[in-house]
C-alpha atoms as a PDB file:
ATOM      1  CA  MET A   1      -9.550  22.450  18.476  1.00  0.00           C
ATOM      2  CA  SER A   2      -9.514  18.642  17.815  1.00  0.00           C
ATOM      3  CA  SER A   3      -9.537  17.133  14.283  1.00  0.00           C
ATOM      4  CA  LEU A   4     -11.240  14.213  12.903  1.00  0.00           C
ATOM      5  CA  LEU A   5      -8.246  12.373  12.971  1.00  0.00           C
ATOM      6  CA  ASP A   6      -7.869  12.833  16.677  1.00  0.00           C
ATOM      7  CA  SER A   7     -11.750  12.256  17.426  1.00  0.00           C
ATOM      8  CA  SER A   8     -12.476   8.932  15.703  1.00  0.00           C
ATOM      9  CA  THR A   9     -10.720   5.988  13.777  1.00  0.00           C
ATOM     10  CA  GLN A  10     -10.476   6.861  10.075  1.00  0.00           C
ATOM     11  CA  THR A  11      -9.555   4.548   7.218  1.00  0.00           C
ATOM     12  CA  LEU A  12      -6.752   5.307   4.730  1.00  0.00           C
ATOM     13  CA  TYR A  13      -6.113   3.914   1.295  1.00  0.00           C
ATOM     14  CA  SER A  14      -3.644   3.962  -1.453  1.00  0.00           C
ATOM     15  CA  GLY A  15      -3.264   2.058  -4.700  1.00  0.00           C
ATOM     16  CA  PHE A  16      -0.462  -0.229  -5.889  1.00  0.00           C
ATOM     17  CA  ASP A  17      -0.053  -0.744  -9.404  1.00  0.00           C
ATOM     18  CA  PRO A  18       1.282  -4.383 -10.175  1.00  0.00           C
ATOM     19  CA  THR A  19       3.148  -3.783 -13.359  1.00  0.00           C
ATOM     20  CA  ALA A  20       6.424  -5.026 -11.645  1.00  0.00           C
ATOM     21  CA  ASP A  21       6.765  -8.008  -9.705  1.00  0.00           C
ATOM     22  CA  SER A  22       7.688  -6.121  -6.769  1.00  0.00           C
ATOM     23  CA  LEU A  23       7.326  -2.502  -4.871  1.00  0.00           C
ATOM     24  CA  HIS A  24       9.537  -0.082  -6.282  1.00  0.00           C
ATOM     25  CA  PHE A  25      11.250   2.815  -4.373  1.00  0.00           C
ATOM     26  CA  GLY A  26       8.434   5.360  -4.997  1.00  0.00           C
ATOM     27  CA  ASN A  27       6.171   3.258  -3.178  1.00  0.00           C
ATOM     28  CA  LEU A  28       8.188   3.965   0.366  1.00  0.00           C
ATOM     29  CA  LEU A  29       6.599   7.526   1.081  1.00  0.00           C
ATOM     30  CA  VAL A  30       3.146   5.900   0.237  1.00  0.00           C
ATOM     31  CA  LEU A  31       3.819   3.371   2.604  1.00  0.00           C
ATOM     32  CA  MET A  32       5.517   5.374   5.156  1.00  0.00           C
ATOM     33  CA  THR A  33       2.514   7.592   5.474  1.00  0.00           C
ATOM     34  CA  LEU A  34       0.266   4.480   5.565  1.00  0.00           C
ATOM     35  CA  LEU A  35       2.088   3.392   8.700  1.00  0.00           C
ATOM     36  CA  ARG A  36       2.003   6.750  10.413  1.00  0.00           C
ATOM     37  CA  PHE A  37      -1.528   6.643  10.301  1.00  0.00           C
ATOM     38  CA  VAL A  38      -1.665   3.149  11.429  1.00  0.00           C
ATOM     39  CA  ARG A  39       0.582   4.114  14.174  1.00  0.00           C
ATOM     40  CA  GLU A  40      -1.785   6.680  15.323  1.00  0.00           C
ATOM     41  CA  GLY A  41      -4.900   3.748  15.354  1.00  0.00           C
ATOM     42  CA  HIS A  42      -6.228   4.612  12.003  1.00  0.00           C
ATOM     43  CA  GLN A  43      -6.833   1.740   9.486  1.00  0.00           C
ATOM     44  CA  ALA A  44      -5.076   1.296   6.127  1.00  0.00           C
ATOM     45  CA  ILE A  45      -6.284  -0.304   2.918  1.00  0.00           C
ATOM     46  CA  CYS A  46      -3.999  -1.148   0.312  1.00  0.00           C
ATOM     47  CA  VAL A  47      -5.382  -1.624  -3.113  1.00  0.00           C
ATOM     48  CA  ILE A  48      -3.627  -3.331  -5.764  1.00  0.00           C
ATOM     49  CA  GLY A  49      -4.953  -2.066  -9.349  1.00  0.00           C
ATOM     50  CA  ASP A  50      -4.733  -5.174 -11.430  1.00  0.00           C
ATOM     51  CA  ALA A  51      -7.323  -3.175 -13.907  1.00  0.00           C
ATOM     52  CA  THR A  52      -4.739  -0.674 -14.165  1.00  0.00           C
ATOM     53  CA  ALA A  53      -2.235  -3.103 -14.781  1.00  0.00           C
ATOM     54  CA  ALA A  54      -4.084  -4.023 -17.678  1.00  0.00           C
ATOM     55  CA  LEU A  55      -5.426  -1.143 -19.270  1.00  0.00           C
ATOM     56  CA  GLY A  56      -1.967   1.196 -18.778  1.00  0.00           C
ATOM     57  CA  ASP A  57      -1.463   4.717 -17.580  1.00  0.00           C
ATOM     58  CA  PRO A  58      -1.761   7.148 -20.373  1.00  0.00           C
ATOM     59  CA  SER A  59      -0.601   9.900 -18.721  1.00  0.00           C
ATOM     60  CA  GLY A  60       2.170  11.799 -20.701  1.00  0.00           C
ATOM     61  CA  ARG A  61       2.152   8.945 -23.286  1.00  0.00           C
ATOM     62  CA  LEU A  62       2.052   9.212 -26.856  1.00  0.00           C
ATOM     63  CA  GLU A  63       1.479   5.080 -27.439  1.00  0.00           C
ATOM     64  CA  GLU A  64      -0.222   2.629 -25.316  1.00  0.00           C
ATOM     65  CA  ARG A  65       1.808   0.581 -23.131  1.00  0.00           C
ATOM     66  CA  PRO A  66       2.353  -3.165 -24.215  1.00  0.00           C
ATOM     67  CA  LEU A  67      -0.533  -5.487 -22.527  1.00  0.00           C
ATOM     68  CA  ILE A  68       0.294  -7.489 -19.700  1.00  0.00           C
ATOM     69  CA  SER A  69      -1.174 -10.781 -19.657  1.00  0.00           C
ATOM     70  CA  GLU A  70      -3.506 -11.899 -16.856  1.00  0.00           C
ATOM     71  CA  GLN A  71      -1.288 -14.396 -15.271  1.00  0.00           C
ATOM     72  CA  VAL A  72       1.773 -11.999 -15.152  1.00  0.00           C
ATOM     73  CA  ILE A  73      -0.626  -9.251 -13.507  1.00  0.00           C
ATOM     74  CA  SER A  74      -1.829 -12.132 -10.883  1.00  0.00           C
ATOM     75  CA  SER A  75       1.595 -13.205 -10.158  1.00  0.00           C
ATOM     76  CA  ASN A  76       2.868  -9.501 -10.034  1.00  0.00           C
ATOM     77  CA  SER A  77      -0.051  -8.591  -7.703  1.00  0.00           C
ATOM     78  CA  GLN A  78       1.034 -11.397  -5.340  1.00  0.00           C
ATOM     79  CA  GLY A  79       4.484 -10.085  -5.085  1.00  0.00           C
ATOM     80  CA  VAL A  80       3.558  -6.752  -4.189  1.00  0.00           C
ATOM     81  CA  SER A  81       0.978  -8.046  -1.757  1.00  0.00           C
ATOM     82  CA  SER A  82       3.701  -9.845  -0.157  1.00  0.00           C
ATOM     83  CA  ASP A  83       6.169  -6.804  -0.215  1.00  0.00           C
ATOM     84  CA  ILE A  84       3.475  -4.520   1.644  1.00  0.00           C
ATOM     85  CA  SER A  85       2.871  -7.364   4.167  1.00  0.00           C
ATOM     86  CA  LYS A  86       6.772  -7.548   4.682  1.00  0.00           C
ATOM     87  CA  VAL A  87       7.080  -3.885   5.239  1.00  0.00           C
ATOM     88  CA  PHE A  88       4.302  -3.621   7.913  1.00  0.00           C
ATOM     89  CA  ALA A  89       5.598  -6.951   9.614  1.00  0.00           C
ATOM     90  CA  ASN A  90       9.024  -5.453   9.708  1.00  0.00           C
ATOM     91  CA  HIS A  91       7.813  -2.009  10.777  1.00  0.00           C
ATOM     92  CA  PHE A  92       6.399  -3.756  13.832  1.00  0.00           C
ATOM     93  CA  LYS A  93       9.357  -5.954  14.405  1.00  0.00           C
ATOM     94  CA  TYR A  94      12.107  -3.601  14.202  1.00  0.00           C
ATOM     95  CA  PHE A  95      11.257   0.117  14.577  1.00  0.00           C
ATOM     96  CA  TRP A  96       7.768   0.442  16.209  1.00  0.00           C
ATOM     97  CA  LYS A  97       7.576  -0.488  20.029  1.00  0.00           C
ATOM     98  CA  PRO A  98       3.642  -0.207  20.719  1.00  0.00           C
ATOM     99  CA  THR A  99       2.430   1.168  24.085  1.00  0.00           C
ATOM    100  CA  PHE A 100       0.163  -0.810  26.775  1.00  0.00           C
ATOM    101  CA  ASN A 101      -3.237  -1.048  24.785  1.00  0.00           C
ATOM    102  CA  SER A 102      -2.069  -0.324  21.158  1.00  0.00           C
ATOM    103  CA  ARG A 103      -1.313  -2.423  18.440  1.00  0.00           C
ATOM    104  CA  LEU A 104      -0.374  -2.241  14.648  1.00  0.00           C
ATOM    105  CA  ASN A 105      -3.215  -3.173  12.577  1.00  0.00           C
ATOM    106  CA  ASP A 106      -2.047  -5.082   9.443  1.00  0.00           C
ATOM    107  CA  PRO A 107      -3.118  -3.598   6.356  1.00  0.00           C
ATOM    108  CA  MET A 108      -6.436  -4.647   4.491  1.00  0.00           C
END
């Protein structure tokens, strides 16, 4: 029995919260999952949630998270985006050796 993942190219996305200027260790599992799908020929989309950083995450909190300025969010987003690109580039350079007619798609 063939699954949808075997029969056609799929798109997988994940969101990253730019409340810090770089990725954190918790993002590793998500990036590893995205890379696994990309290695199988699927497309990864990495969404950097600027609005989430501005509004904050209310889950489990009794008070609001301090507001982050648009300038800091923009700077953090660039840092997170750069980190994601480096993870994909380093994976291709050091870990994954493509076979004939296969290539690693960059995240969108």
